[in-house]
């Protein structure tokens, strides 16, 4: 399938994208993501790998449109909520204090 990402045309296939992402560890998902195989990748990471361009050169929307057209499932939100600890909670967890993970 021919698609345009960052004003450059690319001929992408579902198998080609899966081969490109094989063995690539998924970065933490903080926004839009795409499921490739059994992993969920940030769309910017996928776009960078399949286009070999810097992430700042394209939008996540361009990659999402291309991935949906190829048949991949895209997501608007992070895979799971990220719990941010306060500095005190982080220090307590490192020291093994009881109740360090409670709010």
N, C-alpha and C. Protein backbone atom coordinates (compact mmCIF):
# COMPACT_ATOMS: atom_id res chain seq x y z
N UNK A 1 0.83 -1.16 0.00
CA UNK A 1 0.00 0.00 0.00
C UNK A 1 0.88 1.24 0.00
N UNK A 2 0.53 2.18 -0.81
CA UNK A 2 1.29 3.42 -0.89
C UNK A 2 0.70 4.44 0.08
N UNK A 3 1.53 5.04 0.90
CA UNK A 3 1.07 6.09 1.82
C UNK A 3 2.13 7.17 1.91
N UNK A 4 1.71 8.33 2.36
CA UNK A 4 2.62 9.46 2.48
C UNK A 4 2.79 9.79 3.96
N UNK A 5 4.03 9.79 4.40
CA UNK A 5 4.37 10.14 5.77
C UNK A 5 5.47 11.19 5.70
N UNK A 6 5.22 12.34 6.30
CA UNK A 6 6.18 13.45 6.28
C UNK A 6 6.52 13.86 4.85
N UNK A 7 5.51 13.92 4.01
CA UNK A 7 5.63 14.36 2.61
C UNK A 7 6.44 13.40 1.74
N UNK A 8 6.76 12.20 2.22
CA UNK A 8 7.50 11.22 1.43
C UNK A 8 6.62 9.99 1.21
N UNK A 9 6.57 9.48 -0.02
CA UNK A 9 5.75 8.29 -0.28
C UNK A 9 6.48 7.02 0.16
N UNK A 10 5.70 6.09 0.72
CA UNK A 10 6.24 4.81 1.15
C UNK A 10 5.31 3.71 0.66
N UNK A 11 5.88 2.60 0.22
CA UNK A 11 5.11 1.41 -0.13
C UNK A 11 5.22 0.45 1.04
N UNK A 12 4.16 0.37 1.84
CA UNK A 12 4.18 -0.45 3.04
C UNK A 12 3.26 -1.65 2.88
N UNK A 13 3.66 -2.74 3.50
CA UNK A 13 2.80 -3.92 3.59
C UNK A 13 2.73 -4.33 5.06
N UNK A 14 1.68 -5.04 5.40
CA UNK A 14 1.52 -5.49 6.78
C UNK A 14 2.68 -6.40 7.18
N UNK A 15 3.04 -7.33 6.29
CA UNK A 15 4.17 -8.23 6.59
C UNK A 15 5.48 -7.47 6.71
N UNK A 16 5.66 -6.45 5.88
CA UNK A 16 6.88 -5.65 5.94
C UNK A 16 7.01 -4.91 7.25
N UNK A 17 5.90 -4.35 7.73
CA UNK A 17 5.91 -3.65 9.02
C UNK A 17 6.21 -4.64 10.14
N UNK A 18 5.57 -5.80 10.10
CA UNK A 18 5.80 -6.81 11.14
C UNK A 18 7.26 -7.27 11.14
N UNK A 19 7.85 -7.44 9.96
CA UNK A 19 9.26 -7.84 9.88
C UNK A 19 10.17 -6.74 10.43
N UNK A 20 9.85 -5.47 10.13
CA UNK A 20 10.66 -4.36 10.62
C UNK A 20 10.63 -4.26 12.14
N UNK A 21 9.48 -4.58 12.73
CA UNK A 21 9.33 -4.44 14.18
C UNK A 21 9.72 -5.70 14.95
N UNK A 22 10.02 -6.78 14.23
CA UNK A 22 10.40 -8.03 14.89
C UNK A 22 11.69 -7.83 15.69
N UNK A 23 11.65 -8.20 16.96
CA UNK A 23 12.82 -8.09 17.81
C UNK A 23 13.07 -6.71 18.38
N UNK A 24 12.22 -5.74 18.06
CA UNK A 24 12.38 -4.38 18.57
C UNK A 24 11.63 -4.27 19.90
N UNK A 25 12.32 -3.95 20.98
CA UNK A 25 11.62 -3.82 22.26
C UNK A 25 10.71 -2.59 22.25
N UNK A 26 9.51 -2.74 22.76
CA UNK A 26 8.55 -1.63 22.80
C UNK A 26 8.94 -0.64 23.88
N UNK A 27 8.90 0.64 23.52
CA UNK A 27 9.13 1.70 24.49
C UNK A 27 7.86 1.87 25.33
N UNK A 28 7.96 2.54 26.47
CA UNK A 28 6.74 2.78 27.27
C UNK A 28 5.72 3.60 26.47
N UNK A 29 4.48 3.20 26.53
CA UNK A 29 3.41 3.89 25.81
C UNK A 29 2.85 5.01 26.68
N UNK A 30 2.90 6.23 26.17
CA UNK A 30 2.36 7.37 26.91
C UNK A 30 1.25 8.07 26.15
N UNK A 31 1.01 7.67 24.92
CA UNK A 31 -0.03 8.30 24.11
C UNK A 31 -0.59 7.29 23.12
N UNK A 32 -0.70 7.71 21.85
CA UNK A 32 -1.23 6.82 20.83
C UNK A 32 -0.29 5.64 20.62
N UNK A 33 -0.89 4.47 20.37
CA UNK A 33 -0.08 3.27 20.19
C UNK A 33 -0.72 2.37 19.13
N UNK A 34 0.06 1.40 18.68
CA UNK A 34 -0.40 0.43 17.69
C UNK A 34 0.02 -0.96 18.14
N UNK A 35 -0.88 -1.94 17.98
CA UNK A 35 -0.57 -3.31 18.34
C UNK A 35 -0.01 -4.01 17.11
N UNK A 36 1.21 -4.50 17.24
CA UNK A 36 1.87 -5.25 16.16
C UNK A 36 2.29 -6.58 16.76
N UNK A 37 1.70 -7.66 16.26
CA UNK A 37 1.92 -8.96 16.87
C UNK A 37 1.28 -8.98 18.24
N UNK A 38 2.07 -9.27 19.26
CA UNK A 38 1.55 -9.29 20.62
C UNK A 38 2.04 -8.10 21.43
N UNK A 39 2.70 -7.16 20.79
CA UNK A 39 3.24 -6.00 21.50
C UNK A 39 2.51 -4.72 21.11
N UNK A 40 2.53 -3.80 22.03
CA UNK A 40 1.92 -2.49 21.80
C UNK A 40 3.04 -1.46 21.76
N UNK A 41 3.20 -0.80 20.61
CA UNK A 41 4.28 0.16 20.40
C UNK A 41 3.72 1.58 20.31
N UNK A 42 4.47 2.59 20.78
CA UNK A 42 4.08 3.97 20.51
C UNK A 42 4.14 4.21 18.99
N UNK A 43 3.17 4.95 18.45
CA UNK A 43 3.14 5.13 17.00
C UNK A 43 4.37 5.88 16.49
N UNK A 44 4.91 6.76 17.28
CA UNK A 44 6.12 7.49 16.86
C UNK A 44 7.32 6.54 16.72
N UNK A 45 7.42 5.54 17.60
CA UNK A 45 8.49 4.56 17.50
C UNK A 45 8.35 3.75 16.22
N UNK A 46 7.12 3.31 15.92
CA UNK A 46 6.88 2.54 14.70
C UNK A 46 7.19 3.39 13.47
N UNK A 47 6.73 4.63 13.47
CA UNK A 47 6.99 5.52 12.33
C UNK A 47 8.47 5.75 12.10
N UNK A 48 9.21 5.91 13.17
CA UNK A 48 10.65 6.11 13.05
C UNK A 48 11.34 4.89 12.43
N UNK A 49 10.91 3.71 12.81
CA UNK A 49 11.55 2.49 12.32
C UNK A 49 11.17 2.21 10.87
N UNK A 50 9.88 2.34 10.54
CA UNK A 50 9.48 1.98 9.17
C UNK A 50 9.85 3.03 8.14
N UNK A 51 10.00 4.31 8.56
CA UNK A 51 10.36 5.36 7.59
C UNK A 51 11.83 5.73 7.64
N UNK A 52 12.52 5.34 8.73
CA UNK A 52 13.92 5.73 8.96
C UNK A 52 14.09 7.25 9.01
N UNK A 53 13.06 7.91 9.53
CA UNK A 53 13.09 9.36 9.70
C UNK A 53 13.05 9.70 11.18
N UNK A 54 13.45 10.92 11.49
CA UNK A 54 13.38 11.40 12.86
C UNK A 54 11.91 11.54 13.26
N UNK A 55 11.60 11.29 14.51
CA UNK A 55 10.22 11.35 15.00
C UNK A 55 9.62 12.74 14.87
N UNK A 56 10.46 13.75 14.85
CA UNK A 56 9.95 15.11 14.75
C UNK A 56 9.51 15.47 13.34
N UNK A 57 9.83 14.61 12.36
CA UNK A 57 9.51 14.91 10.97
C UNK A 57 8.09 14.53 10.56
N UNK A 58 7.38 13.77 11.38
CA UNK A 58 6.03 13.34 11.01
C UNK A 58 5.13 13.40 12.24
N UNK A 59 3.83 13.35 11.98
CA UNK A 59 2.87 13.36 13.09
C UNK A 59 2.42 11.94 13.40
N UNK A 60 1.93 11.75 14.60
CA UNK A 60 1.43 10.43 14.96
C UNK A 60 0.19 10.09 14.14
N UNK A 61 -0.57 11.10 13.76
CA UNK A 61 -1.76 10.88 12.94
C UNK A 61 -1.44 10.26 11.59
N UNK A 62 -0.33 10.67 10.99
CA UNK A 62 0.07 10.10 9.70
C UNK A 62 0.36 8.61 9.84
N UNK A 63 1.03 8.24 10.91
CA UNK A 63 1.37 6.83 11.13
C UNK A 63 0.12 6.03 11.48
N UNK A 64 -0.75 6.61 12.31
CA UNK A 64 -1.99 5.92 12.68
C UNK A 64 -2.82 5.63 11.44
N UNK A 65 -2.98 6.60 10.55
CA UNK A 65 -3.76 6.38 9.32
C UNK A 65 -3.17 5.25 8.49
N UNK A 66 -1.84 5.23 8.37
CA UNK A 66 -1.19 4.18 7.59
C UNK A 66 -1.38 2.81 8.25
N UNK A 67 -1.23 2.74 9.57
CA UNK A 67 -1.35 1.47 10.27
C UNK A 67 -2.78 0.93 10.20
N UNK A 68 -3.77 1.80 10.33
CA UNK A 68 -5.17 1.38 10.23
C UNK A 68 -5.46 0.85 8.83
N UNK A 69 -4.96 1.54 7.82
CA UNK A 69 -5.18 1.07 6.44
C UNK A 69 -4.53 -0.28 6.19
N UNK A 70 -3.45 -0.58 6.91
CA UNK A 70 -2.79 -1.88 6.77
C UNK A 70 -3.47 -2.97 7.59
N UNK A 71 -4.38 -2.58 8.47
CA UNK A 71 -5.12 -3.57 9.26
C UNK A 71 -4.66 -3.74 10.69
N UNK A 72 -3.79 -2.86 11.17
CA UNK A 72 -3.35 -2.93 12.56
C UNK A 72 -4.35 -2.22 13.46
N UNK A 73 -4.37 -2.59 14.73
CA UNK A 73 -5.24 -1.95 15.71
C UNK A 73 -4.48 -0.82 16.38
N UNK A 74 -5.07 0.37 16.36
CA UNK A 74 -4.45 1.53 17.00
C UNK A 74 -5.27 1.94 18.23
N UNK A 75 -4.59 2.54 19.19
CA UNK A 75 -5.21 2.92 20.47
C UNK A 75 -4.90 4.39 20.75
N UNK A 76 -5.89 5.08 21.34
CA UNK A 76 -5.72 6.51 21.66
C UNK A 76 -5.06 6.76 23.01
N UNK A 77 -5.11 5.80 23.91
CA UNK A 77 -4.66 6.01 25.28
C UNK A 77 -3.55 5.03 25.63
N UNK A 78 -2.80 5.31 26.69
CA UNK A 78 -1.74 4.38 27.12
C UNK A 78 -2.29 3.00 27.45
N UNK A 79 -1.43 2.00 27.36
CA UNK A 79 -1.83 0.62 27.60
C UNK A 79 -2.34 0.41 29.03
N UNK A 80 -1.71 1.01 29.98
CA UNK A 80 -2.12 0.88 31.38
C UNK A 80 -1.76 2.17 32.08
N UNK A 81 -2.51 2.54 33.09
CA UNK A 81 -2.20 3.78 33.79
C UNK A 81 -0.82 3.73 34.44
N UNK A 82 -0.13 4.82 34.36
CA UNK A 82 1.21 4.92 34.93
C UNK A 82 1.10 5.59 36.29
N UNK A 83 1.59 4.92 37.32
CA UNK A 83 1.55 5.50 38.66
C UNK A 83 2.84 6.26 38.90
N UNK A 84 2.70 7.53 39.20
CA UNK A 84 3.86 8.37 39.47
C UNK A 84 3.99 8.50 40.98
N UNK A 85 5.14 8.12 41.49
CA UNK A 85 5.38 8.19 42.92
C UNK A 85 5.99 9.54 43.29
N UNK A 86 5.67 10.00 44.47
CA UNK A 86 6.31 11.20 44.98
C UNK A 86 7.75 10.83 45.37
N UNK A 87 8.62 11.81 45.53
CA UNK A 87 9.98 11.49 45.96
C UNK A 87 10.03 10.72 47.27
N UNK A 88 9.12 11.03 48.20
CA UNK A 88 9.08 10.32 49.48
C UNK A 88 8.67 8.86 49.27
N UNK A 89 7.67 8.62 48.41
CA UNK A 89 7.24 7.24 48.13
C UNK A 89 8.35 6.46 47.43
N UNK A 90 9.07 7.11 46.51
CA UNK A 90 10.18 6.44 45.82
C UNK A 90 11.27 6.04 46.80
N UNK A 91 11.63 6.95 47.70
CA UNK A 91 12.68 6.65 48.69
C UNK A 91 12.22 5.53 49.62
N UNK A 92 10.97 5.57 50.04
CA UNK A 92 10.44 4.53 50.92
C UNK A 92 10.45 3.17 50.23
N UNK A 93 10.08 3.16 48.95
CA UNK A 93 10.07 1.90 48.20
C UNK A 93 11.48 1.35 48.06
N UNK A 94 12.45 2.22 47.84
CA UNK A 94 13.84 1.77 47.71
C UNK A 94 14.37 1.21 49.02
N UNK A 95 13.90 1.77 50.13
CA UNK A 95 14.35 1.30 51.44
C UNK A 95 13.55 0.11 51.93
N UNK A 96 12.48 -0.23 51.23
CA UNK A 96 11.68 -1.39 51.61
C UNK A 96 10.74 -1.12 52.76
N UNK A 97 10.35 0.13 52.95
CA UNK A 97 9.45 0.47 54.04
C UNK A 97 8.07 -0.11 53.78
N UNK A 98 7.39 -0.59 54.82
CA UNK A 98 6.03 -1.11 54.63
C UNK A 98 5.08 0.02 54.22
N UNK A 99 4.17 -0.30 53.32
CA UNK A 99 3.19 0.68 52.87
C UNK A 99 3.75 1.69 51.90
N UNK A 100 4.88 1.41 51.30
CA UNK A 100 5.52 2.39 50.41
C UNK A 100 4.71 2.62 49.14
N UNK A 101 3.86 1.66 48.76
CA UNK A 101 3.10 1.80 47.50
C UNK A 101 1.67 2.30 47.74
N UNK A 102 1.36 2.65 48.97
CA UNK A 102 0.01 3.15 49.25
C UNK A 102 -0.04 4.64 49.04
N UNK A 103 -1.23 5.11 48.66
CA UNK A 103 -1.40 6.56 48.47
C UNK A 103 -1.62 7.25 49.77
